[in-house]
Amino acid sequence: MDQPSLKLADIRVRDPFIVADRSTGFYFLYAQCGNRLRDDTVGLGVEVYRSRDLVNWSGADRVFDRPESGFWGGKEIWAPEVHCFGNHWFLFVTFNGREGGRGTQILRADAPDGPFRILPDTATTPPAECSLDGTPWIDRDGTHWLVYCHEWVQIGDGAMRAVRMKPDWTERIGDPITLFKASDAPWTRPITENKFVTDGPFLHRTSAGRLLMIWSSFRKGGGYAIGVAESADGSVGGPWRHHDALLFGDNGGHGSLFRDFSGDLRLVFHQPNVGDRERARLLRIHERPDGSLEAEE
């Protein structure tokens, strides 16, 4: 039986992601192993912590180990997130290749604690794009999407992109579309001259049926932050408009949403966005009548 011994303050994690699994009664917190080891280039893999109450955690246990040889994404691993579709669990994770290249790849397991196995041995995002932070979404018409960031390091003004996927998540269909650019949002600022960041998309359908996306960049007059965009027609294709108000603006970001076992909507993200000091933060989220989101401690 697990003996909880860790608090969130004890766990270094960047780009945290939490799954609330009612079938086991556990919350699962996913992290890339380099967070704990303080080195993104060793012990490459993904691990998970478990909790019954979001306060006391045990772990970490490996759910994926990068192959030692013959695998394209052998340099670094970033931003793991896990979703259940049908009878399988899918790990969406960003790999950096030894020979260059960066993209999101999808792995599969039979349980939330793995082991996750590689599907096609290639990035799911287009190989010509320097991409990261892929997250899935299924539109009301059944269209499967992978939403991801086209990196500012390649194109200057980072873009939020989406590509259709086969229903089993094994292969993309057709060409990606651009949803918006980082500079389109009224709250963003360049990280360097004319360079705008897109990070950490996560989509959420509100109880009123609105399709929102939380995502991160650097805010005017401050640091790393979480903003909100809304699809005008309720589908991934948009068009998307940006809310003026930030969801969180105090040097933290790369957030995602989940419902706890009481049914409350929660935001998990890392703060601060500094060195090896990153820790997972949890806030409660309220859906306002006007369709916006409000965070509270």
Foldseek 3Di string as FASTA:
>chain_A
DDDFDDFLQRFFAALWEWDCDPVVLKIKIKGFPCLVVVHFFPQGAMWIWIDNPNGTIDDTDTQTGDDPDDAFQRGGKDNWYWDDDDQKIKIWIWGAGPVGFIAIAIWIARDPSHNTDGQPRDHQPDRVFRWGQWDWDAAPVGWIKTWTWRFLVVVQFIFIKIFTADPVRRHTDDDIDTQGTQVQAPFADAPDVSHWGWAAWEWDQDPVGWIKIWTWTQGPPGGIFIWMWTFPVSDSNGNIDTDNDTQGHHQKDNWYWDAHPVRWIKIWTWPHPDRSSTGIDIWTWDQDPVGDIHTDD
